[in-house]
C-alpha atoms as a PDB file:
ATOM      1  CA  MET A   1      -3.720 -12.249   5.311  1.00  0.00           C
ATOM      2  CA  SER A   2      -6.336 -12.759   8.027  1.00  0.00           C
ATOM      3  CA  GLU A   3      -9.753 -11.160   7.923  1.00  0.00           C
ATOM      4  CA  PRO A   4      -9.740  -7.482   8.962  1.00  0.00           C
ATOM      5  CA  VAL A   5     -11.196  -6.489  12.319  1.00  0.00           C
ATOM      6  CA  ILE A   6     -14.325  -4.355  12.027  1.00  0.00           C
ATOM      7  CA  LEU A   7     -14.082  -1.469  14.480  1.00  0.00           C
ATOM      8  CA  ASP A   8     -17.748  -1.500  15.405  1.00  0.00           C
ATOM      9  CA  GLY A   9     -18.622   1.866  16.900  1.00  0.00           C
ATOM     10  CA  LYS A  10     -22.327   1.087  16.930  1.00  0.00           C
ATOM     11  CA  SER A  11     -21.991  -1.856  19.335  1.00  0.00           C
ATOM     12  CA  LEU A  12     -19.437  -0.047  21.517  1.00  0.00           C
ATOM     13  CA  ALA A  13     -21.713   3.001  21.756  1.00  0.00           C
ATOM     14  CA  LYS A  14     -24.543   0.710  22.860  1.00  0.00           C
ATOM     15  CA  GLU A  15     -22.333  -0.760  25.596  1.00  0.00           C
ATOM     16  CA  SER A  16     -21.422   2.777  26.629  1.00  0.00           C
ATOM     17  CA  ARG A  17     -25.082   3.788  26.930  1.00  0.00           C
ATOM     18  CA  ILE A  18     -25.799   0.852  29.260  1.00  0.00           C
ATOM     19  CA  ALA A  19     -22.849   1.747  31.490  1.00  0.00           C
ATOM     20  CA  LEU A  20     -23.721   5.470  31.484  1.00  0.00           C
ATOM     21  CA  LYS A  21     -27.327   4.772  32.470  1.00  0.00           C
ATOM     22  CA  ARG A  22     -26.044   2.864  35.511  1.00  0.00           C
ATOM     23  CA  GLU A  23     -23.759   5.773  36.397  1.00  0.00           C
ATOM     24  CA  ILE A  24     -26.582   8.300  36.117  1.00  0.00           C
ATOM     25  CA  ASP A  25     -28.922   6.134  38.208  1.00  0.00           C
ATOM     26  CA  ALA A  26     -26.237   5.858  40.895  1.00  0.00           C
ATOM     27  CA  LEU A  27     -25.656   9.615  40.787  1.00  0.00           C
ATOM     28  CA  LYS A  28     -29.376  10.315  41.255  1.00  0.00           C
ATOM     29  CA  GLN A  29     -29.616   7.848  44.154  1.00  0.00           C
ATOM     30  CA  LYS A  30     -26.736   9.593  45.880  1.00  0.00           C
ATOM     31  CA  ASN A  31     -28.149  13.070  45.229  1.00  0.00           C
ATOM     32  CA  ALA A  32     -31.781  13.482  44.128  1.00  0.00           C
ATOM     33  CA  SER A  33     -31.036  16.837  42.488  1.00  0.00           C
ATOM     34  CA  ALA A  34     -28.055  15.494  40.544  1.00  0.00           C
ATOM     35  CA  ASN A  35     -29.697  15.169  37.140  1.00  0.00           C
ATOM     36  CA  PRO A  36     -27.143  15.912  34.389  1.00  0.00           C
ATOM     37  CA  VAL A  37     -28.410  18.317  31.729  1.00  0.00           C
ATOM     38  CA  LEU A  38     -26.905  18.763  28.255  1.00  0.00           C
ATOM     39  CA  ALA A  39     -27.865  22.101  26.697  1.00  0.00           C
ATOM     40  CA  THR A  40     -28.018  22.039  22.893  1.00  0.00           C
ATOM     41  CA  ILE A  41     -28.001  25.371  21.067  1.00  0.00           C
ATOM     42  CA  LEU A  42     -29.333  25.462  17.518  1.00  0.00           C
ATOM     43  CA  VAL A  43     -29.155  28.794  15.682  1.00  0.00           C
ATOM     44  CA  GLY A  44     -31.208  29.002  12.505  1.00  0.00           C
ATOM     45  CA  ASP A  45     -33.204  26.359  10.641  1.00  0.00           C
ATOM     46  CA  ASP A  46     -30.625  24.191   8.891  1.00  0.00           C
ATOM     47  CA  PRO A  47     -32.362  20.779   8.574  1.00  0.00           C
ATOM     48  CA  ALA A  48     -29.161  18.715   8.881  1.00  0.00           C
ATOM     49  CA  SER A  49     -28.177  20.557  12.061  1.00  0.00           C
ATOM     50  CA  ALA A  50     -31.687  20.079  13.457  1.00  0.00           C
ATOM     51  CA  THR A  51     -31.410  16.333  12.783  1.00  0.00           C
ATOM     52  CA  TYR A  52     -28.036  16.092  14.548  1.00  0.00           C
ATOM     53  CA  VAL A  53     -29.353  17.972  17.583  1.00  0.00           C
ATOM     54  CA  LYS A  54     -32.409  15.696  17.746  1.00  0.00           C
ATOM     55  CA  MET A  55     -30.146  12.611  17.647  1.00  0.00           C
ATOM     56  CA  LYS A  56     -28.165  13.974  20.587  1.00  0.00           C
ATOM     57  CA  GLN A  57     -31.341  14.705  22.550  1.00  0.00           C
ATOM     58  CA  THR A  58     -32.608  11.168  21.858  1.00  0.00           C
ATOM     59  CA  SER A  59     -29.323   9.737  23.110  1.00  0.00           C
ATOM     60  CA  CYS A  60     -29.671  11.746  26.324  1.00  0.00           C
ATOM     61  CA  LYS A  61     -33.122  10.283  26.884  1.00  0.00           C
ATOM     62  CA  LYS A  62     -31.838   6.713  26.388  1.00  0.00           C
ATOM     63  CA  VAL A  63     -29.419   7.046  29.303  1.00  0.00           C
ATOM     64  CA  GLY A  64     -31.884   8.869  31.563  1.00  0.00           C
ATOM     65  CA  MET A  65     -30.255  12.260  31.160  1.00  0.00           C
ATOM     66  CA  GLU A  66     -32.083  15.517  30.480  1.00  0.00           C
ATOM     67  CA  SER A  67     -31.457  17.770  27.503  1.00  0.00           C
ATOM     68  CA  LEU A  68     -32.244  21.454  27.311  1.00  0.00           C
ATOM     69  CA  LYS A  69     -33.231  22.467  23.795  1.00  0.00           C
ATOM     70  CA  VAL A  70     -32.238  26.064  22.996  1.00  0.00           C
ATOM     71  CA  GLU A  71     -33.410  27.303  19.597  1.00  0.00           C
ATOM     72  CA  MET A  72     -32.480  30.769  18.337  1.00  0.00           C
ATOM     73  CA  PRO A  73     -33.529  32.522  15.102  1.00  0.00           C
ATOM     74  CA  LYS A  74     -31.161  32.688  12.124  1.00  0.00           C
ATOM     75  CA  GLU A  75     -30.947  36.483  12.571  1.00  0.00           C
ATOM     76  CA  THR A  76     -29.275  36.012  15.985  1.00  0.00           C
ATOM     77  CA  THR A  77     -26.224  38.216  16.533  1.00  0.00           C
ATOM     78  CA  THR A  78     -22.927  37.232  18.099  1.00  0.00           C
ATOM     79  CA  GLU A  79     -23.777  39.232  21.240  1.00  0.00           C
ATOM     80  CA  GLU A  80     -27.172  37.565  21.593  1.00  0.00           C
ATOM     81  CA  LEU A  81     -25.614  34.129  21.305  1.00  0.00           C
ATOM     82  CA  LEU A  82     -22.862  35.056  23.769  1.00  0.00           C
ATOM     83  CA  ALA A  83     -25.508  36.215  26.250  1.00  0.00           C
ATOM     84  CA  LYS A  84     -27.263  32.841  25.994  1.00  0.00           C
ATOM     85  CA  ILE A  85     -23.975  30.942  26.457  1.00  0.00           C
ATOM     86  CA  ARG A  86     -23.167  33.031  29.553  1.00  0.00           C
ATOM     87  CA  GLU A  87     -26.621  32.238  30.927  1.00  0.00           C
ATOM     88  CA  LEU A  88     -26.011  28.513  30.455  1.00  0.00           C
ATOM     89  CA  ASN A  89     -22.526  28.798  31.976  1.00  0.00           C
ATOM     90  CA  ALA A  90     -24.124  30.259  35.094  1.00  0.00           C
ATOM     91  CA  ASP A  91     -26.823  27.571  35.369  1.00  0.00           C
ATOM     92  CA  PRO A  92     -25.568  24.880  37.794  1.00  0.00           C
ATOM     93  CA  SER A  93     -28.002  22.280  36.452  1.00  0.00           C
ATOM     94  CA  VAL A  94     -26.414  22.478  32.992  1.00  0.00           C
ATOM     95  CA  ARG A  95     -23.312  20.249  32.958  1.00  0.00           C
ATOM     96  CA  GLY A  96     -22.613  20.323  29.214  1.00  0.00           C
ATOM     97  CA  ILE A  97     -23.086  22.883  26.452  1.00  0.00           C
ATOM     98  CA  LEU A  98     -23.230  22.009  22.768  1.00  0.00           C
ATOM     99  CA  LEU A  99     -23.290  24.766  20.154  1.00  0.00           C
ATOM    100  CA  GLN A 100     -24.294  23.086  16.901  1.00  0.00           C
ATOM    101  CA  HIS A 101     -21.939  23.838  13.991  1.00  0.00           C
ATOM    102  CA  PRO A 102     -22.278  25.659  11.648  1.00  0.00           C
ATOM    103  CA  VAL A 103     -23.904  28.869  12.870  1.00  0.00           C
ATOM    104  CA  PRO A 104     -25.199  31.596  10.493  1.00  0.00           C
ATOM    105  CA  LYS A 105     -22.462  33.623   8.798  1.00  0.00           C
ATOM    106  CA  GLN A 106     -23.041  36.862  10.715  1.00  0.00           C
ATOM    107  CA  ILE A 107     -22.024  35.134  13.968  1.00  0.00           C
ATOM    108  CA  ASP A 108     -18.387  34.886  15.071  1.00  0.00           C
ATOM    109  CA  GLU A 109     -18.415  31.154  15.743  1.00  0.00           C
ATOM    110  CA  ARG A 110     -14.944  31.009  17.266  1.00  0.00           C
ATOM    111  CA  VAL A 111     -15.721  33.732  19.805  1.00  0.00           C
ATOM    112  CA  CYS A 112     -18.902  31.903  20.775  1.00  0.00           C
ATOM    113  CA  PHE A 113     -17.188  28.522  21.071  1.00  0.00           C
ATOM    114  CA  ASP A 114     -14.538  30.040  23.309  1.00  0.00           C
ATOM    115  CA  ALA A 115     -17.204  31.572  25.566  1.00  0.00           C
ATOM    116  CA  ILE A 116     -18.270  28.098  26.725  1.00  0.00           C
ATOM    117  CA  ALA A 117     -17.005  27.355  30.240  1.00  0.00           C
ATOM    118  CA  LEU A 118     -14.160  24.826  30.144  1.00  0.00           C
ATOM    119  CA  GLU A 119     -15.850  22.464  32.611  1.00  0.00           C
ATOM    120  CA  LYS A 120     -18.969  22.447  30.366  1.00  0.00           C
ATOM    121  CA  ASP A 121     -17.106  22.179  27.047  1.00  0.00           C
ATOM    122  CA  VAL A 122     -18.132  18.535  26.589  1.00  0.00           C
ATOM    123  CA  ASP A 123     -17.877  18.858  22.793  1.00  0.00           C
ATOM    124  CA  GLY A 124     -14.238  19.955  23.058  1.00  0.00           C
ATOM    125  CA  VAL A 125     -14.501  23.096  20.913  1.00  0.00           C
ATOM    126  CA  THR A 126     -12.667  25.776  22.902  1.00  0.00           C
ATOM    127  CA  CYS A 127      -9.132  26.962  22.091  1.00  0.00           C
ATOM    128  CA  LEU A 128      -8.199  26.578  25.762  1.00  0.00           C
ATOM    129  CA  GLY A 129      -9.444  22.999  25.810  1.00  0.00           C
ATOM    130  CA  PHE A 130      -7.537  22.188  22.609  1.00  0.00           C
ATOM    131  CA  GLY A 131      -4.320  23.668  23.968  1.00  0.00           C
ATOM    132  CA  MET A 132      -4.567  21.821  27.263  1.00  0.00           C
ATOM    133  CA  MET A 133      -5.392  18.551  25.489  1.00  0.00           C
ATOM    134  CA  ALA A 134      -2.384  18.980  23.185  1.00  0.00           C
ATOM    135  CA  MET A 135      -0.191  19.461  26.268  1.00  0.00           C
ATOM    136  CA  GLY A 136      -1.520  16.234  27.765  1.00  0.00           C
ATOM    137  CA  GLU A 137      -3.721  17.847  30.406  1.00  0.00           C
ATOM    138  CA  ASN A 138      -6.967  16.231  31.583  1.00  0.00           C
ATOM    139  CA  VAL A 139      -9.740  18.085  29.692  1.00  0.00           C
ATOM    140  CA  TYR A 140     -12.650  17.078  27.484  1.00  0.00           C
ATOM    141  CA  GLY A 141     -11.455  16.311  23.971  1.00  0.00           C
ATOM    142  CA  SER A 142     -13.335  17.092  20.782  1.00  0.00           C
ATOM    143  CA  ALA A 143     -16.112  14.530  20.659  1.00  0.00           C
ATOM    144  CA  THR A 144     -15.330  12.800  17.352  1.00  0.00           C
ATOM    145  CA  PRO A 145     -11.540  12.472  17.886  1.00  0.00           C
ATOM    146  CA  GLN A 146     -12.094  11.359  21.479  1.00  0.00           C
ATOM    147  CA  GLY A 147     -14.606   8.794  20.244  1.00  0.00           C
ATOM    148  CA  ILE A 148     -12.058   7.507  17.723  1.00  0.00           C
ATOM    149  CA  MET A 149      -9.450   7.137  20.455  1.00  0.00           C
ATOM    150  CA  THR A 150     -11.921   5.227  22.640  1.00  0.00           C
ATOM    151  CA  LEU A 151     -12.643   2.889  19.720  1.00  0.00           C
ATOM    152  CA  ILE A 152      -8.926   2.356  19.071  1.00  0.00           C
ATOM    153  CA  ASP A 153      -8.284   1.611  22.759  1.00  0.00           C
ATOM    154  CA  HIS A 154     -11.248  -0.763  22.971  1.00  0.00           C
ATOM    155  CA  TYR A 155      -9.917  -2.882  20.106  1.00  0.00           C
ATOM    156  CA  GLY A 156      -6.380  -2.901  21.516  1.00  0.00           C
ATOM    157  CA  ILE A 157      -4.710  -1.043  18.647  1.00  0.00           C
ATOM    158  CA  ASP A 158      -1.332   0.165  19.898  1.00  0.00           C
ATOM    159  CA  LEU A 159      -0.296   3.457  18.293  1.00  0.00           C
ATOM    160  CA  LYS A 160       3.148   3.573  19.879  1.00  0.00           C
ATOM    161  CA  GLY A 161       5.778   4.080  17.184  1.00  0.00           C
ATOM    162  CA  LYS A 162       3.246   3.750  14.365  1.00  0.00           C
ATOM    163  CA  ASP A 163       3.228   6.036  11.318  1.00  0.00           C
ATOM    164  CA  VAL A 164      -0.143   7.777  11.152  1.00  0.00           C
ATOM    165  CA  VAL A 165      -1.432   9.956   8.321  1.00  0.00           C
ATOM    166  CA  VAL A 166      -4.432  12.141   9.158  1.00  0.00           C
ATOM    167  CA  VAL A 167      -6.026  13.540   6.005  1.00  0.00           C
ATOM    168  CA  GLY A 168      -7.939  16.603   7.206  1.00  0.00           C
ATOM    169  CA  ARG A 169      -7.083  19.586   9.399  1.00  0.00           C
ATOM    170  CA  SER A 170     -10.356  20.885  10.835  1.00  0.00           C
ATOM    171  CA  PRO A 171     -10.178  22.358  14.355  1.00  0.00           C
ATOM    172  CA  ILE A 172     -12.711  19.855  15.693  1.00  0.00           C
ATOM    173  CA  LEU A 173     -11.448  16.694  13.969  1.00  0.00           C
ATOM    174  CA  GLY A 174      -8.132  16.485  12.111  1.00  0.00           C
ATOM    175  CA  LYS A 175      -6.031  18.756  14.334  1.00  0.00           C
ATOM    176  CA  PRO A 176      -7.190  17.458  17.734  1.00  0.00           C
ATOM    177  CA  LEU A 177      -7.048  13.825  16.594  1.00  0.00           C
ATOM    178  CA  ALA A 178      -3.451  14.320  15.423  1.00  0.00           C
ATOM    179  CA  MET A 179      -2.529  15.699  18.868  1.00  0.00           C
ATOM    180  CA  MET A 180      -4.284  12.834  20.664  1.00  0.00           C
ATOM    181  CA  MET A 181      -2.408  10.275  18.574  1.00  0.00           C
ATOM    182  CA  LEU A 182       0.868  12.118  19.098  1.00  0.00           C
ATOM    183  CA  ASN A 183       0.222  11.905  22.845  1.00  0.00           C
ATOM    184  CA  LYS A 184      -0.094   8.118  22.385  1.00  0.00           C
ATOM    185  CA  HIS A 185       3.462   8.083  20.923  1.00  0.00           C
ATOM    186  CA  ALA A 186       2.483   7.785  17.254  1.00  0.00           C
ATOM    187  CA  THR A 187       4.435   9.612  14.558  1.00  0.00           C
ATOM    188  CA  VAL A 188       1.786  11.788  12.942  1.00  0.00           C
ATOM    189  CA  THR A 189       1.664  13.490   9.546  1.00  0.00           C
ATOM    190  CA  ILE A 190      -1.212  15.903   8.939  1.00  0.00           C
ATOM    191  CA  CYS A 191      -2.269  16.120   5.298  1.00  0.00           C
ATOM    192  CA  HIS A 192      -5.188  17.714   3.456  1.00  0.00           C
ATOM    193  CA  SER A 193      -6.749  18.084   0.010  1.00  0.00           C
ATOM    194  CA  ARG A 194      -3.913  20.358  -1.168  1.00  0.00           C
ATOM    195  CA  THR A 195      -1.066  18.132  -0.007  1.00  0.00           C
ATOM    196  CA  THR A 196       1.398  17.281  -2.780  1.00  0.00           C
ATOM    197  CA  ASN A 197       2.374  13.606  -3.242  1.00  0.00           C
ATOM    198  CA  LEU A 198      -0.497  12.618  -0.952  1.00  0.00           C
ATOM    199  CA  ALA A 199      -0.656   9.075  -2.310  1.00  0.00           C
ATOM    200  CA  GLU A 200       3.029   8.490  -1.475  1.00  0.00           C
ATOM    201  CA  LYS A 201       2.564   9.768   2.067  1.00  0.00           C
ATOM    202  CA  ILE A 202      -0.455   7.528   2.641  1.00  0.00           C
ATOM    203  CA  ARG A 203       1.409   4.484   1.294  1.00  0.00           C
ATOM    204  CA  GLN A 204       3.869   4.809   4.206  1.00  0.00           C
ATOM    205  CA  ALA A 205       1.139   4.880   6.868  1.00  0.00           C
ATOM    206  CA  ASP A 206       0.356   2.148   9.373  1.00  0.00           C
ATOM    207  CA  VAL A 207      -2.830   4.042  10.247  1.00  0.00           C
ATOM    208  CA  VAL A 208      -4.806   6.153   7.746  1.00  0.00           C
ATOM    209  CA  VAL A 209      -7.478   8.594   8.932  1.00  0.00           C
ATOM    210  CA  GLY A 210      -9.982  10.021   6.463  1.00  0.00           C
ATOM    211  CA  ALA A 211     -11.235  13.351   7.817  1.00  0.00           C
ATOM    212  CA  VAL A 212     -11.220  15.545   4.715  1.00  0.00           C
ATOM    213  CA  GLY A 213     -14.968  15.718   4.009  1.00  0.00           C
ATOM    214  CA  ILE A 214     -14.795  14.558   0.375  1.00  0.00           C
ATOM    215  CA  PRO A 215     -16.508  11.308  -0.731  1.00  0.00           C
ATOM    216  CA  ARG A 216     -14.053   8.439  -1.447  1.00  0.00           C
ATOM    217  CA  PHE A 217     -11.182  10.932  -1.599  1.00  0.00           C
ATOM    218  CA  ILE A 218      -8.636   8.388  -0.321  1.00  0.00           C
ATOM    219  CA  LYS A 219      -8.141   5.676  -2.921  1.00  0.00           C
ATOM    220  CA  ALA A 220      -7.743   2.000  -2.075  1.00  0.00           C
ATOM    221  CA  GLU A 221      -4.491   1.700  -4.043  1.00  0.00           C
ATOM    222  CA  TRP A 222      -2.905   4.390  -1.842  1.00  0.00           C
ATOM    223  CA  ILE A 223      -3.266   2.243   1.271  1.00  0.00           C
ATOM    224  CA  LYS A 224      -0.705  -0.429   2.087  1.00  0.00           C
ATOM    225  CA  ASP A 225      -1.693  -3.977   3.028  1.00  0.00           C
ATOM    226  CA  GLY A 226      -2.350  -4.389   6.734  1.00  0.00           C
ATOM    227  CA  ALA A 227      -2.955  -0.719   7.491  1.00  0.00           C
ATOM    228  CA  VAL A 228      -5.632   0.379   9.956  1.00  0.00           C
ATOM    229  CA  ILE A 229      -8.289   2.576   8.302  1.00  0.00           C
ATOM    230  CA  ILE A 230     -10.246   5.119  10.320  1.00  0.00           C
ATOM    231  CA  ASP A 231     -12.917   6.711   8.124  1.00  0.00           C
ATOM    232  CA  ALA A 232     -14.414   9.712   9.915  1.00  0.00           C
ATOM    233  CA  GLY A 233     -16.370  10.940   6.902  1.00  0.00           C
ATOM    234  CA  TYR A 234     -20.008  10.304   6.083  1.00  0.00           C
ATOM    235  CA  HIS A 235     -21.811  11.370   2.921  1.00  0.00           C
ATOM    236  CA  PRO A 236     -25.449  10.217   3.164  1.00  0.00           C
ATOM    237  CA  ALA A 237     -26.303  10.883  -0.478  1.00  0.00           C
ATOM    238  CA  GLU A 238     -23.632   8.418  -1.591  1.00  0.00           C
ATOM    239  CA  ASN A 239     -23.689   6.271   1.558  1.00  0.00           C
ATOM    240  CA  CYS A 240     -19.917   6.402   1.844  1.00  0.00           C
ATOM    241  CA  GLY A 241     -17.097   8.002   3.764  1.00  0.00           C
ATOM    242  CA  ASP A 242     -13.850   9.727   2.824  1.00  0.00           C
ATOM    243  CA  VAL A 243     -12.105   6.423   2.007  1.00  0.00           C
ATOM    244  CA  ASP A 244     -12.916   4.014  -0.821  1.00  0.00           C
ATOM    245  CA  LEU A 245     -13.763   1.330   1.727  1.00  0.00           C
ATOM    246  CA  GLU A 246     -15.450  -0.917  -0.814  1.00  0.00           C
ATOM    247  CA  ASN A 247     -12.025  -1.686  -2.239  1.00  0.00           C
ATOM    248  CA  ALA A 248      -9.763  -0.820   0.699  1.00  0.00           C
ATOM    249  CA  ALA A 249     -11.391  -2.638   3.637  1.00  0.00           C
ATOM    250  CA  ALA A 250     -10.315  -6.145   2.582  1.00  0.00           C
ATOM    251  CA  LYS A 251      -6.619  -5.195   2.453  1.00  0.00           C
ATOM    252  CA  SER A 252      -6.651  -3.563   5.903  1.00  0.00           C
ATOM    253  CA  SER A 253      -5.950  -5.164   9.280  1.00  0.00           C
ATOM    254  CA  ALA A 254      -8.837  -3.190  10.818  1.00  0.00           C
ATOM    255  CA  TYR A 255     -11.292  -0.556   9.648  1.00  0.00           C
ATOM    256  CA  THR A 256     -14.270   1.514  10.728  1.00  0.00           C
ATOM    257  CA  PRO A 257     -17.407   0.806   8.680  1.00  0.00           C
ATOM    258  CA  VAL A 258     -19.423   3.695   7.233  1.00  0.00           C
ATOM    259  CA  PRO A 259     -21.954   4.122   8.695  1.00  0.00           C
ATOM    260  CA  GLY A 260     -21.645   2.469  12.098  1.00  0.00           C
ATOM    261  CA  GLY A 261     -17.998   3.152  12.894  1.00  0.00           C
ATOM    262  CA  VAL A 262     -16.966   6.625  13.984  1.00  0.00           C
ATOM    263  CA  GLY A 263     -20.410   8.315  13.960  1.00  0.00           C
ATOM    264  CA  PRO A 264     -22.005   6.523  16.924  1.00  0.00           C
ATOM    265  CA  MET A 265     -18.876   7.136  19.002  1.00  0.00           C
ATOM    266  CA  THR A 266     -19.199  10.907  18.590  1.00  0.00           C
ATOM    267  CA  ILE A 267     -22.548  11.076  20.376  1.00  0.00           C
ATOM    268  CA  ALA A 268     -21.500   8.437  22.926  1.00  0.00           C
ATOM    269  CA  THR A 269     -18.480  10.568  23.803  1.00  0.00           C
ATOM    270  CA  LEU A 270     -20.560  13.726  24.103  1.00  0.00           C
ATOM    271  CA  ILE A 271     -22.901  11.991  26.570  1.00  0.00           C
ATOM    272  CA  ALA A 272     -20.044  10.362  28.493  1.00  0.00           C
ATOM    273  CA  GLN A 273     -18.258  13.682  28.935  1.00  0.00           C
ATOM    274  CA  THR A 274     -21.466  15.357  30.137  1.00  0.00           C
ATOM    275  CA  VAL A 275     -21.957  12.607  32.708  1.00  0.00           C
ATOM    276  CA  ASP A 276     -18.351  13.008  33.823  1.00  0.00           C
ATOM    277  CA  SER A 277     -18.887  16.763  34.210  1.00  0.00           C
ATOM    278  CA  ALA A 278     -21.959  16.059  36.370  1.00  0.00           C
ATOM    279  CA  LYS A 279     -20.094  13.547  38.533  1.00  0.00           C
ATOM    280  CA  LYS A 280     -17.351  16.072  39.211  1.00  0.00           C
ATOM    281  CA  TYR A 281     -19.857  18.804  40.092  1.00  0.00           C
ATOM    282  CA  PHE A 282     -22.248  16.760  42.244  1.00  0.00           C
ATOM    283  CA  ARG A 283     -19.685  14.605  44.084  1.00  0.00           C
END
């Protein structure tokens, strides 16, 4: 069997940044006031969330785009957060809104996600956006699944007729990714940590997606030779994903490394969708 293809999200994200910077420069030359702004909302003081938000702000700076940092105390109520989201919806300079997950427990996260205006939902978190995406309409997809699809397209992996097993059912990863792959004519099975006979289901898959959030949950012996492995998990403490890539990568036809595969594509997608929102507004 030939050497597996490494689905290098890090290098593709770098290419994306270069292209997006050109697009933003062109947009500003056409309209001096057309400076795309991504608003990031961080509620509370969770250090991991703060790190993720900072990474997104840094990425904005690299492409010449502004970010608006909104920090709210951990005691924030649902109504207070909704008021802030409505304010950002009404601000024409803001072209994308990111509400960092998770929010403190007293907040109704779903209600707040769904308050984000569809044209500014560049992280793809609203129920309306999910429904329209599932029906094949042109909306912004959830950032990580959309990034995975961009990576798959870039490397010429044809999903048509392929058996795909997505292990994970979160509303911002497993479920939307399954719909995106279904729209590309794959036959998709959604599994999770409670699925019975999981190993047997994975053994039938041409494409295996790890999106369950458990370190090395998907064993190498479950994966058939020549399968494509998409590992969307990342566990920094163990420096691994949701798949036992150390033993599974060599038997695959292509795989995403961890780190450096799916992760960089998430932020690249978020930025790309914000730029697209700006282009539509300022055209």
